[in-house]
Every structure is written in structure tokens, then in C-alpha cells.
C-alpha atoms as a PDB file:
ATOM      1  CA  UNK A   1      20.444  -1.546 -44.638  1.00  0.00           C
ATOM      2  CA  UNK A   2      21.209  -0.638 -41.016  1.00  0.00           C
ATOM      3  CA  UNK A   3      24.869  -0.428 -40.060  1.00  0.00           C
ATOM      4  CA  UNK A   4      24.399  -2.889 -37.180  1.00  0.00           C
ATOM      5  CA  UNK A   5      23.281  -5.539 -39.666  1.00  0.00           C
ATOM      6  CA  UNK A   6      26.278  -5.236 -41.953  1.00  0.00           C
ATOM      7  CA  UNK A   7      28.594  -8.188 -41.377  1.00  0.00           C
ATOM      8  CA  UNK A   8      31.873  -7.110 -39.887  1.00  0.00           C
ATOM      9  CA  UNK A   9      30.588  -3.632 -38.961  1.00  0.00           C
ATOM     10  CA  UNK A  10      31.809  -2.436 -35.580  1.00  0.00           C
ATOM     11  CA  UNK A  11      30.023   0.371 -33.822  1.00  0.00           C
ATOM     12  CA  UNK A  12      32.009   3.445 -33.089  1.00  0.00           C
ATOM     13  CA  UNK A  13      32.622   4.351 -29.475  1.00  0.00           C
ATOM     14  CA  UNK A  14      30.209   7.278 -29.838  1.00  0.00           C
ATOM     15  CA  UNK A  15      27.433   5.031 -31.196  1.00  0.00           C
ATOM     16  CA  UNK A  16      28.021   2.554 -28.380  1.00  0.00           C
ATOM     17  CA  UNK A  17      27.848   5.319 -25.768  1.00  0.00           C
ATOM     18  CA  UNK A  18      24.633   6.567 -27.384  1.00  0.00           C
ATOM     19  CA  UNK A  19      23.058   3.124 -27.070  1.00  0.00           C
ATOM     20  CA  UNK A  20      24.214   2.810 -23.449  1.00  0.00           C
ATOM     21  CA  UNK A  21      22.849   6.264 -22.684  1.00  0.00           C
ATOM     22  CA  UNK A  22      19.522   5.412 -24.332  1.00  0.00           C
ATOM     23  CA  UNK A  23      19.300   2.173 -22.338  1.00  0.00           C
ATOM     24  CA  UNK A  24      20.125   4.030 -19.133  1.00  0.00           C
ATOM     25  CA  UNK A  25      17.530   6.683 -19.905  1.00  0.00           C
ATOM     26  CA  UNK A  26      14.899   4.005 -20.555  1.00  0.00           C
ATOM     27  CA  UNK A  27      15.776   2.301 -17.268  1.00  0.00           C
ATOM     28  CA  UNK A  28      15.576   5.588 -15.349  1.00  0.00           C
ATOM     29  CA  UNK A  29      12.180   6.310 -16.929  1.00  0.00           C
ATOM     30  CA  UNK A  30      10.993   2.838 -15.932  1.00  0.00           C
ATOM     31  CA  UNK A  31      12.228   3.376 -12.369  1.00  0.00           C
ATOM     32  CA  UNK A  32      10.456   6.744 -12.189  1.00  0.00           C
ATOM     33  CA  UNK A  33       7.177   5.148 -13.330  1.00  0.00           C
ATOM     34  CA  UNK A  34       7.620   2.356 -10.782  1.00  0.00           C
ATOM     35  CA  UNK A  35       8.350   4.866  -8.027  1.00  0.00           C
ATOM     36  CA  UNK A  36       5.253   6.915  -8.935  1.00  0.00           C
ATOM     37  CA  UNK A  37       3.114   3.765  -8.962  1.00  0.00           C
ATOM     38  CA  UNK A  38       4.479   2.617  -5.601  1.00  0.00           C
ATOM     39  CA  UNK A  39       4.029   6.083  -4.145  1.00  0.00           C
ATOM     40  CA  UNK A  40       0.372   6.153  -5.200  1.00  0.00           C
ATOM     41  CA  UNK A  41      -0.136   2.628  -3.852  1.00  0.00           C
ATOM     42  CA  UNK A  42       1.542   3.608  -0.582  1.00  0.00           C
ATOM     43  CA  UNK A  43      -0.724   6.647  -0.242  1.00  0.00           C
ATOM     44  CA  UNK A  44      -3.808   4.493  -0.862  1.00  0.00           C
ATOM     45  CA  UNK A  45      -2.637   1.935   1.703  1.00  0.00           C
ATOM     46  CA  UNK A  46      -2.021   4.676   4.286  1.00  0.00           C
ATOM     47  CA  UNK A  47      -5.524   6.037   3.727  1.00  0.00           C
ATOM     48  CA  UNK A  48      -6.964   2.520   4.033  1.00  0.00           C
ATOM     49  CA  UNK A  49      -4.979   1.953   7.229  1.00  0.00           C
ATOM     50  CA  UNK A  50      -6.272   5.218   8.710  1.00  0.00           C
ATOM     51  CA  UNK A  51      -9.859   4.260   7.859  1.00  0.00           C
ATOM     52  CA  UNK A  52      -9.426   0.786   9.351  1.00  0.00           C
ATOM     53  CA  UNK A  53      -7.846   2.240  12.491  1.00  0.00           C
ATOM     54  CA  UNK A  54     -10.847   4.553  12.928  1.00  0.00           C
ATOM     55  CA  UNK A  55     -13.248   1.668  12.310  1.00  0.00           C
ATOM     56  CA  UNK A  56     -11.391  -0.458  14.868  1.00  0.00           C
ATOM     57  CA  UNK A  57     -11.614   2.311  17.475  1.00  0.00           C
ATOM     58  CA  UNK A  58     -15.348   2.633  16.837  1.00  0.00           C
ATOM     59  CA  UNK A  59     -15.844  -1.120  17.151  1.00  0.00           C
ATOM     60  CA  UNK A  60     -13.841  -1.238  20.386  1.00  0.00           C
ATOM     61  CA  UNK A  61     -15.974   1.575  21.785  1.00  0.00           C
ATOM     62  CA  UNK A  62     -19.193  -0.204  20.787  1.00  0.00           C
ATOM     63  CA  UNK A  63     -17.922  -3.468  22.282  1.00  0.00           C
ATOM     64  CA  UNK A  64     -17.092  -1.773  25.582  1.00  0.00           C
ATOM     65  CA  UNK A  65     -20.517  -0.118  25.664  1.00  0.00           C
ATOM     66  CA  UNK A  66     -22.236  -3.458  24.960  1.00  0.00           C
ATOM     67  CA  UNK A  67     -20.105  -5.136  27.640  1.00  0.00           C
ATOM     68  CA  UNK A  68     -21.041  -2.567  30.272  1.00  0.00           C
ATOM     69  CA  UNK A  69     -24.740  -2.824  29.361  1.00  0.00           C
ATOM     70  CA  UNK A  70     -24.622  -6.621  29.596  1.00  0.00           C
ATOM     71  CA  UNK A  71     -22.828  -6.442  32.941  1.00  0.00           C
ATOM     72  CA  UNK A  72     -25.480  -4.010  34.206  1.00  0.00           C
ATOM     73  CA  UNK A  73     -28.249  -6.374  33.057  1.00  0.00           C
ATOM     74  CA  UNK A  74     -26.559  -9.306  34.777  1.00  0.00           C
ATOM     75  CA  UNK A  75     -26.302  -7.298  37.998  1.00  0.00           C
ATOM     76  CA  UNK A  76     -30.014  -6.379  37.792  1.00  0.00           C
ATOM     77  CA  UNK A  77     -30.964 -10.006  37.159  1.00  0.00           C
ATOM     78  CA  UNK A  78     -28.887 -11.166  40.131  1.00  0.00           C
ATOM     79  CA  UNK A  79     -30.461  -8.443  42.249  1.00  0.00           C
ATOM     80  CA  UNK A  80     -33.938  -9.536  41.185  1.00  0.00           C
ATOM     81  CA  UNK A  81     -33.033 -13.159  41.905  1.00  0.00           C
ATOM     82  CA  UNK A  82     -31.857 -12.301  45.404  1.00  0.00           C
ATOM     83  CA  UNK A  83     -34.998 -10.278  46.193  1.00  0.00           C
ATOM     84  CA  UNK A  84     -37.441 -12.894  45.018  1.00  0.00           C
END
């Protein structure tokens, strides 16, 4: 039978410190795993942000090109309208 289940048994100070140390160690291990997980997630999010920033720049460039082409077409149409 385990000592902690014996009625009236009090843990020694050393046993109590051992349990506290084990709990602290478990908590530190959990925090390390959480930190590693968050670090990996952060890295993935940074990579995604970089990709989206590049995509946005490309789309802005394409939009500006389309805008200038449309403006040029409008100018040609107005020119043709004036000359006819």
C-alpha cells in the first residue's frame, strides 16, 4: 500500500519537495513544448505573410498595368470620336 494512502501518514519535507519539484519540472516541460509549438506557428505565419505580401505587390502591379491600358484605350476611343 502506498504511503500517501495510509490514514494519518504525513509526507516528509523531502517527499513534499520531491513532488513540488516533479510538478515544476512537468510544468516547465509543458511550457517548453508550448513555446516550441508557438515558435513553429509563428515561423509559418511569417512565411505566409511574406508570400501574401509578394502576391499583393504582384496584384497591385497588374492592376496598375490594367489601369494604364484602359486609360490608353479610353484616350484612343475619345480621339477616334473627335476625328469622326
